[in-house]
Protein backbone atom coordinates (compact mmCIF):
# COMPACT_ATOMS: atom_id res chain seq x y z
CA MET A 1 -0.10 0.17 -0.15
CA ILE A 2 2.80 2.68 1.22
CA VAL A 3 4.74 1.67 -2.02
CA ARG A 4 1.89 2.73 -4.47
CA ILE A 5 0.96 5.50 -2.73
CA LEU A 6 4.38 6.57 -2.97
CA PHE A 7 4.32 5.84 -6.98
CA ALA A 8 1.65 8.07 -6.87
CA VAL A 9 3.28 10.56 -5.52
CA VAL A 10 5.87 10.19 -7.75
CA ALA A 11 3.87 10.04 -11.03
CA VAL A 12 1.96 13.06 -9.87
CA LEU A 13 4.70 14.99 -8.97
CA THR A 14 6.54 14.27 -12.34
CA VAL A 15 3.52 15.25 -14.43
CA ALA A 16 3.15 18.63 -12.37
CA VAL A 17 6.75 19.74 -13.23
CA LEU A 18 6.83 18.68 -16.73
CA ALA A 19 3.42 20.61 -17.45
CA VAL A 20 5.04 23.77 -15.88
CA LEU A 21 8.05 23.33 -17.99
CA SER A 22 5.83 22.58 -21.02
CA TRP A 23 4.06 26.27 -20.77
CA PRO A 24 5.33 28.10 -17.72
CA GLN A 25 3.68 31.14 -19.00
CA GLY A 26 0.22 29.23 -18.29
CA PHE A 27 1.50 28.99 -14.37
CA GLY A 28 2.92 32.64 -14.55
CA LEU A 29 6.30 31.45 -13.53
CA GLU A 30 8.32 32.05 -16.53
CA HIS A 31 10.48 34.58 -14.27
CA SER A 32 10.80 32.20 -11.46
CA ILE A 33 13.93 31.17 -10.35
CA VAL A 34 15.11 27.86 -11.59
CA ILE A 35 12.23 27.71 -14.29
CA ALA A 36 13.61 30.68 -16.02
CA GLN A 37 16.98 29.29 -16.66
CA VAL A 38 15.69 25.42 -17.51
CA VAL A 39 12.74 26.79 -20.07
CA ALA A 40 15.47 28.80 -21.75
CA PHE A 41 16.60 25.43 -23.64
CA ARG A 42 13.96 23.59 -24.76
CA PRO A 43 15.51 21.42 -27.28
CA VAL A 44 18.05 20.05 -24.58
CA LEU A 45 14.97 19.73 -22.14
CA ALA A 46 13.59 17.02 -25.34
CA LEU A 47 16.88 15.70 -25.34
CA ALA A 48 16.56 14.98 -22.13
CA ALA A 49 13.33 13.52 -21.71
CA VAL A 50 14.11 11.23 -24.46
CA VAL A 51 17.28 9.55 -22.69
CA LEU A 52 15.58 9.04 -19.56
CA ALA A 53 12.58 7.50 -21.56
CA VAL A 54 14.75 5.21 -22.60
CA LEU A 55 16.40 4.57 -19.76
CA LEU A 56 13.42 3.88 -17.95
CA LEU A 57 12.33 1.36 -20.59
CA ALA A 58 15.56 -0.41 -20.09
CA GLY A 59 14.86 -0.56 -16.50
CA MET A 60 11.12 -1.93 -16.97
CA LEU A 61 13.06 -5.07 -18.44
CA VAL A 62 14.65 -5.80 -15.22
CA ALA A 63 12.68 -3.97 -12.42
CA ARG A 64 9.21 -6.02 -12.33
CA ARG A 65 7.91 -3.85 -9.24
CA THR A 66 8.39 -0.76 -10.99
CA ARG A 67 7.44 -1.60 -14.24
CA GLY A 68 3.83 0.05 -13.97
CA LEU A 69 5.49 3.23 -12.79
CA PHE A 70 8.27 3.04 -15.17
CA GLY A 71 5.82 2.55 -18.10
CA PHE A 72 3.64 5.58 -17.05
CA LEU A 73 6.91 8.10 -16.75
CA THR A 74 8.47 7.04 -20.26
CA VAL A 75 5.09 7.99 -21.86
CA VAL A 76 4.59 11.02 -19.87
CA LEU A 77 8.44 11.77 -20.90
CA LEU A 78 7.67 11.54 -24.39
CA LEU A 79 4.66 13.11 -24.18
CA PHE A 80 6.99 15.99 -22.76
CA ALA A 81 9.43 16.02 -25.62
CA GLY A 82 6.76 15.91 -27.88
CA GLY A 83 5.09 18.77 -26.73
CA GLN A 84 8.36 20.91 -26.49
CA ALA A 85 9.17 19.94 -30.26
CA ALA A 86 5.99 21.26 -31.31
CA VAL A 87 6.60 24.56 -29.46
CA LEU A 88 9.95 25.18 -30.81
CA ALA A 89 8.53 23.91 -34.59
CA THR A 90 5.58 26.46 -34.52
CA ARG A 91 8.59 29.27 -33.76
CA GLY A 92 10.19 27.98 -36.49
CA TRP A 93 13.57 26.06 -36.39
CA VAL A 94 14.53 25.53 -40.31
CA PRO A 95 18.01 26.33 -40.70
CA ASP A 96 18.08 27.94 -43.77
CA ALA A 97 15.16 29.86 -43.46
CA GLY A 98 15.00 33.86 -43.03
CA HIS A 99 17.48 36.65 -44.69
CA ALA A 100 19.23 33.89 -47.08
CA GLY A 101 16.41 32.18 -48.34
CA ALA A 102 13.47 35.32 -48.04
CA SER A 103 11.83 35.36 -51.55
CA GLU A 104 11.44 39.22 -50.96
CA THR A 105 14.99 41.17 -50.80
CA ALA A 106 15.75 44.48 -49.35
CA THR A 107 14.68 47.51 -51.26
CA ASP A 108 15.76 51.15 -50.69
CA ASP A 109 12.74 51.89 -48.21
CA ASP A 110 13.45 48.71 -45.85
CA ILE A 111 15.18 48.94 -42.81
CA VAL A 112 18.10 46.08 -42.31
CA VAL A 113 18.67 45.30 -38.35
CA LEU A 114 21.94 43.65 -37.38
CA SER A 115 22.04 42.50 -33.77
CA TRP A 116 25.45 41.15 -31.69
CA ASN A 117 26.59 40.89 -28.71
CA THR A 118 30.46 41.06 -29.06
CA LEU A 119 31.77 39.67 -25.82
CA GLY A 120 33.32 43.07 -24.71
CA GLY A 121 34.65 43.89 -28.55
CA ALA A 122 35.79 39.82 -29.15
CA ALA A 123 34.39 40.39 -32.22
CA ASP A 124 36.72 42.97 -34.01
CA ALA A 125 35.77 45.74 -35.97
CA ALA A 126 36.73 44.38 -39.27
CA SER A 127 34.14 41.49 -38.71
CA ILE A 128 31.34 43.41 -37.14
CA ALA A 129 31.51 46.06 -40.05
CA GLY A 130 32.43 43.32 -42.93
CA LEU A 131 28.90 41.53 -41.86
CA ALA A 132 27.12 44.84 -41.47
CA LEU A 133 28.35 46.09 -44.85
CA ARG A 134 27.69 42.52 -46.72
CA LEU A 135 23.55 42.90 -45.04
CA GLY A 136 23.48 46.41 -46.00
CA ALA A 137 22.43 47.08 -42.40
CA ASP A 138 20.95 50.44 -41.37
CA VAL A 139 21.06 49.39 -38.03
CA VAL A 140 23.23 48.12 -36.03
CA THR A 141 22.98 47.18 -32.15
CA LEU A 142 25.83 45.94 -30.25
CA PRO A 143 25.64 44.84 -26.81
CA GLU A 144 28.87 44.45 -24.68
CA THR A 145 30.74 46.49 -27.31
CA PRO A 146 32.99 49.87 -26.19
CA GLU A 147 33.08 53.13 -27.46
CA SER A 148 36.32 52.72 -28.96
CA THR A 149 35.08 49.48 -31.33
CA ALA A 150 31.82 51.18 -32.54
CA THR A 151 33.87 54.31 -33.56
CA GLU A 152 36.41 51.89 -35.50
CA VAL A 153 33.59 49.81 -37.22
CA ALA A 154 31.80 53.55 -38.14
CA ALA A 155 34.45 53.88 -40.00
CA LEU A 156 35.17 51.15 -41.62
CA MET A 157 31.19 51.13 -42.65
CA THR A 158 31.94 54.66 -44.05
CA ALA A 159 35.05 53.82 -46.03
CA GLY A 160 32.95 50.81 -47.58
CA GLY A 161 30.47 53.35 -48.41
CA LYS A 162 27.56 52.93 -45.67
CA PRO A 163 28.30 56.13 -43.32
CA VAL A 164 26.73 55.43 -40.24
CA TRP A 165 26.29 57.53 -36.46
CA ALA A 166 27.72 56.03 -33.88
CA HIS A 167 26.22 56.36 -30.28
CA THR A 168 27.28 54.00 -27.14
CA SER A 169 25.80 53.98 -23.33
CA SER A 170 28.56 52.84 -20.39
CA HIS A 171 27.81 51.36 -17.07
CA GLY A 172 31.85 51.27 -15.79
CA ASP A 173 35.10 50.73 -17.32
CA TYR A 174 34.70 47.43 -18.23
CA LEU A 175 34.29 46.72 -21.99
CA SER A 176 31.06 44.45 -21.44
CA LEU A 177 29.51 47.35 -19.75
CA SER A 178 29.19 49.45 -22.80
CA THR A 179 26.38 48.67 -25.50
CA SER A 180 26.43 50.73 -28.90
CA ILE A 181 24.49 51.34 -31.80
CA LEU A 182 25.15 52.52 -35.27
CA VAL A 183 22.44 54.09 -37.58
CA SER A 184 22.80 54.73 -41.31
CA THR A 185 22.97 58.38 -42.11
CA ALA A 186 20.63 57.41 -45.16
CA LEU A 187 17.85 57.34 -42.25
CA GLY A 188 18.93 60.74 -41.12
CA GLU A 189 20.64 62.26 -37.63
CA TYR A 190 19.70 60.42 -34.70
CA ALA A 191 20.47 61.45 -31.09
CA VAL A 192 20.70 59.51 -27.86
CA ASN A 193 17.01 60.00 -26.08
CA ASP A 194 17.63 59.82 -22.14
CA THR A 195 13.83 59.90 -21.83
CA PHE A 196 13.33 56.56 -21.71
CA GLY A 197 15.61 55.64 -18.65
CA ASP A 198 18.09 52.49 -18.94
CA THR A 199 18.11 49.06 -18.34
CA GLY A 200 20.31 48.43 -14.43
CA THR A 201 23.49 46.63 -14.34
CA LEU A 202 23.83 46.51 -18.21
CA PRO A 203 23.39 49.82 -20.27
CA SER A 204 20.65 49.95 -23.24
CA ILE A 205 20.70 52.95 -25.42
CA VAL A 206 17.48 54.79 -26.98
CA VAL A 207 17.79 57.01 -29.98
CA SER A 208 15.40 59.55 -31.44
CA PRO A 209 15.23 60.91 -35.05
CA VAL A 210 16.48 64.84 -34.44
CA ASN A 211 13.64 65.82 -37.05
CA GLY A 212 11.44 63.75 -35.19
CA ASP A 213 10.70 61.82 -39.07
CA GLY A 214 11.93 58.17 -38.57
CA PRO A 215 11.70 55.00 -36.03
CA THR A 216 12.60 55.18 -32.48
CA LEU A 217 15.57 52.87 -32.31
CA ALA A 218 16.78 50.84 -29.14
CA ALA A 219 19.74 48.92 -28.47
CA VAL A 220 19.45 46.69 -25.32
CA HIS A 221 20.95 44.48 -22.90
CA PRO A 222 18.81 43.17 -20.16
CA VAL A 223 21.01 41.59 -17.11
CA ALA A 224 21.14 37.28 -17.38
CA PRO A 225 18.59 35.75 -14.76
CA THR A 226 21.28 34.46 -12.69
CA PRO A 227 20.02 33.64 -9.22
CA ASP A 228 21.59 36.70 -8.02
CA ASP A 229 20.40 38.87 -10.81
CA LEU A 230 17.05 37.61 -11.11
CA GLU A 231 15.27 40.49 -9.75
CA GLY A 232 17.67 42.46 -12.11
CA TRP A 233 16.42 40.79 -14.55
CA ARG A 234 12.88 41.14 -13.77
CA THR A 235 12.89 44.51 -13.47
CA ASP A 236 15.07 45.43 -16.65
CA LEU A 237 11.83 43.45 -18.55
CA ASP A 238 9.40 45.52 -17.31
CA TRP A 239 11.82 48.81 -18.82
CA VAL A 240 11.69 46.45 -22.08
CA ASN A 241 7.66 46.42 -21.32
CA ARG A 242 7.43 50.10 -21.11
CA LEU A 243 9.89 50.51 -23.91
CA CYS A 244 7.64 48.43 -26.23
CA GLN A 245 4.68 50.96 -26.19
CA THR A 246 6.45 53.59 -27.90
CA PRO A 247 4.66 53.74 -31.55
CA ASN A 248 6.91 53.37 -34.34
CA LEU A 249 9.91 51.49 -32.58
CA ILE A 250 12.42 49.12 -33.84
CA VAL A 251 14.43 47.65 -30.64
CA ALA A 252 17.34 44.91 -30.63
CA GLY A 253 19.77 43.32 -28.63
CA ASP A 254 20.78 40.73 -26.32
CA PHE A 255 17.28 40.41 -24.06
CA ASN A 256 18.87 37.49 -22.00
CA SER A 257 15.69 35.78 -22.47
CA THR A 258 13.21 33.75 -25.25
CA LEU A 259 9.90 34.32 -26.01
CA ASP A 260 8.89 32.07 -23.02
CA HIS A 261 10.31 35.58 -20.83
CA LEU A 262 9.44 37.66 -23.24
CA THR A 263 5.34 38.20 -22.07
CA GLY A 264 3.81 41.12 -21.94
CA ILE A 265 6.25 43.18 -23.68
CA GLY A 266 3.86 45.95 -24.55
CA ASP A 267 2.73 45.96 -28.62
CA CYS A 268 6.19 44.88 -29.55
CA ARG A 269 6.13 42.03 -32.16
CA ASP A 270 9.13 39.22 -32.59
CA ALA A 271 10.40 39.78 -36.18
CA ALA A 272 12.27 35.88 -35.90
CA LEU A 273 8.83 34.46 -34.88
CA THR A 274 7.03 36.07 -37.69
CA ALA A 275 9.67 34.77 -40.22
CA GLY A 276 9.57 31.32 -38.94
CA THR A 277 13.31 31.39 -37.72
CA ALA A 278 12.75 32.21 -33.56
CA ALA A 279 13.56 28.21 -32.70
CA LEU A 280 17.28 28.80 -33.62
CA GLY A 281 19.72 29.44 -30.96
CA SER A 282 22.20 32.62 -31.04
CA TRP A 283 23.84 31.61 -27.81
CA PRO A 284 26.13 30.30 -27.02
CA THR A 285 28.33 29.84 -30.19
CA TRP A 286 29.56 26.29 -29.05
CA LEU A 287 26.46 24.88 -29.15
CA PRO A 288 24.57 24.12 -32.37
CA ALA A 289 22.02 26.87 -33.24
CA LEU A 290 19.29 23.95 -33.47
CA VAL A 291 19.97 22.93 -29.69
CA GLY A 292 21.03 26.40 -28.27
CA THR A 293 19.12 29.36 -26.82
CA PRO A 294 17.26 32.25 -28.79
CA ILE A 295 17.87 34.82 -26.60
CA ASP A 296 18.94 37.90 -29.12
CA HIS A 297 16.05 39.61 -30.53
CA VAL A 298 14.98 42.33 -33.07
CA LEU A 299 11.34 43.50 -31.77
CA THR A 300 8.93 46.17 -33.54
CA THR A 301 5.88 48.16 -32.57
CA GLY A 302 3.32 49.15 -35.39
CA GLY A 303 4.16 50.10 -39.36
CA TRP A 304 6.53 47.43 -39.84
CA ARG A 305 6.24 44.41 -41.49
CA VAL A 306 8.99 41.64 -41.52
CA VAL A 307 10.22 40.77 -44.78
CA SER A 308 12.68 38.11 -43.14
CA ALA A 309 15.41 37.26 -40.20
CA GLU A 310 17.73 34.93 -39.86
CA VAL A 311 20.15 33.88 -36.92
CA ILE A 312 23.64 34.32 -38.60
CA GLN A 313 25.95 30.84 -38.44
CA SER A 314 28.99 32.00 -39.88
CA GLU A 315 30.34 34.31 -37.51
CA ASP A 316 30.86 31.18 -34.94
CA GLY A 317 34.91 31.46 -34.62
CA THR A 318 34.85 35.14 -34.53
CA GLY A 319 35.34 35.48 -30.79
CA SER A 320 31.99 36.24 -29.59
CA ASP A 321 29.84 33.78 -27.85
CA HIS A 322 26.28 34.65 -29.64
CA ARG A 323 25.75 34.49 -32.77
CA PRO A 324 24.66 37.98 -34.65
CA ILE A 325 21.03 38.12 -35.98
CA THR A 326 19.28 40.20 -38.41
CA ALA A 327 15.85 40.83 -39.63
CA THR A 328 14.58 42.98 -42.44
CA LEU A 329 12.00 45.30 -41.98
CA ALA A 330 9.48 47.10 -44.46
CA ARG A 331 7.10 49.88 -43.77
CA GLU A 332 3.50 48.83 -43.55
């Protein structure tokens, strides 16, 4: 009798935990410790569930008394793995989808956005500028990129025929405590807009057109949701939520959050989700994009249509632990 009760408790707890991990938003737990970190790696969760299911199947062959429990847990784990795959499929994880495979190409009226966390400038200015010029980027957001690197990138882009304005915000002397944004001069003159405030530990920067004609642009970098910084991360996401109430906004950067965490972000829409590439991981580069976590984003509010979006996998050897992402946006 006691054994049956214990088995029932194990079964109920397992179902409850897997239900929360499948859709933490439904329980309001997407910003909770442990869950916030674990749910960021849905592909890994799916693979781990399959491995555990196989081990339980093997255990059923040698453990007669626990065969019923093991069989039940095997079915539950396989359903959980299938659920993770279904969520990722709805977000899109086709490797060659996005910018390179889009049926439409950028026109003169479109805005091409490039975002790349360069790990304190570990990805050098030549690599950043070269990629920006190949993409024809009009807006380049660069978390963890100091002013010196941003200035060099701007000079290289100008020499390559794409002159840009460069702006940087810093929260200290460490290279990783800087966020830069480059804006094509073809979009007009832009200046830093301090009225929006800032994220906490790591800097974000918002720029607005001097003549008032054009989108508000932002490069953002909420802190990572480590146990010590969890409250700061939540506060940073609240700031992003307020920023996303701005009309005609384009915001990009390292959000340290997946779509599971970006709930209630005002009127912002995720470009990769629209383009069907939102399940491809931008971090870390040592994991394949199909397994990594998509924490870098390009978001827009009204007035913009997503032509394409891509996680760029050709720059994994340039030094950063993040992959660059790009999105092409057309005016509606």
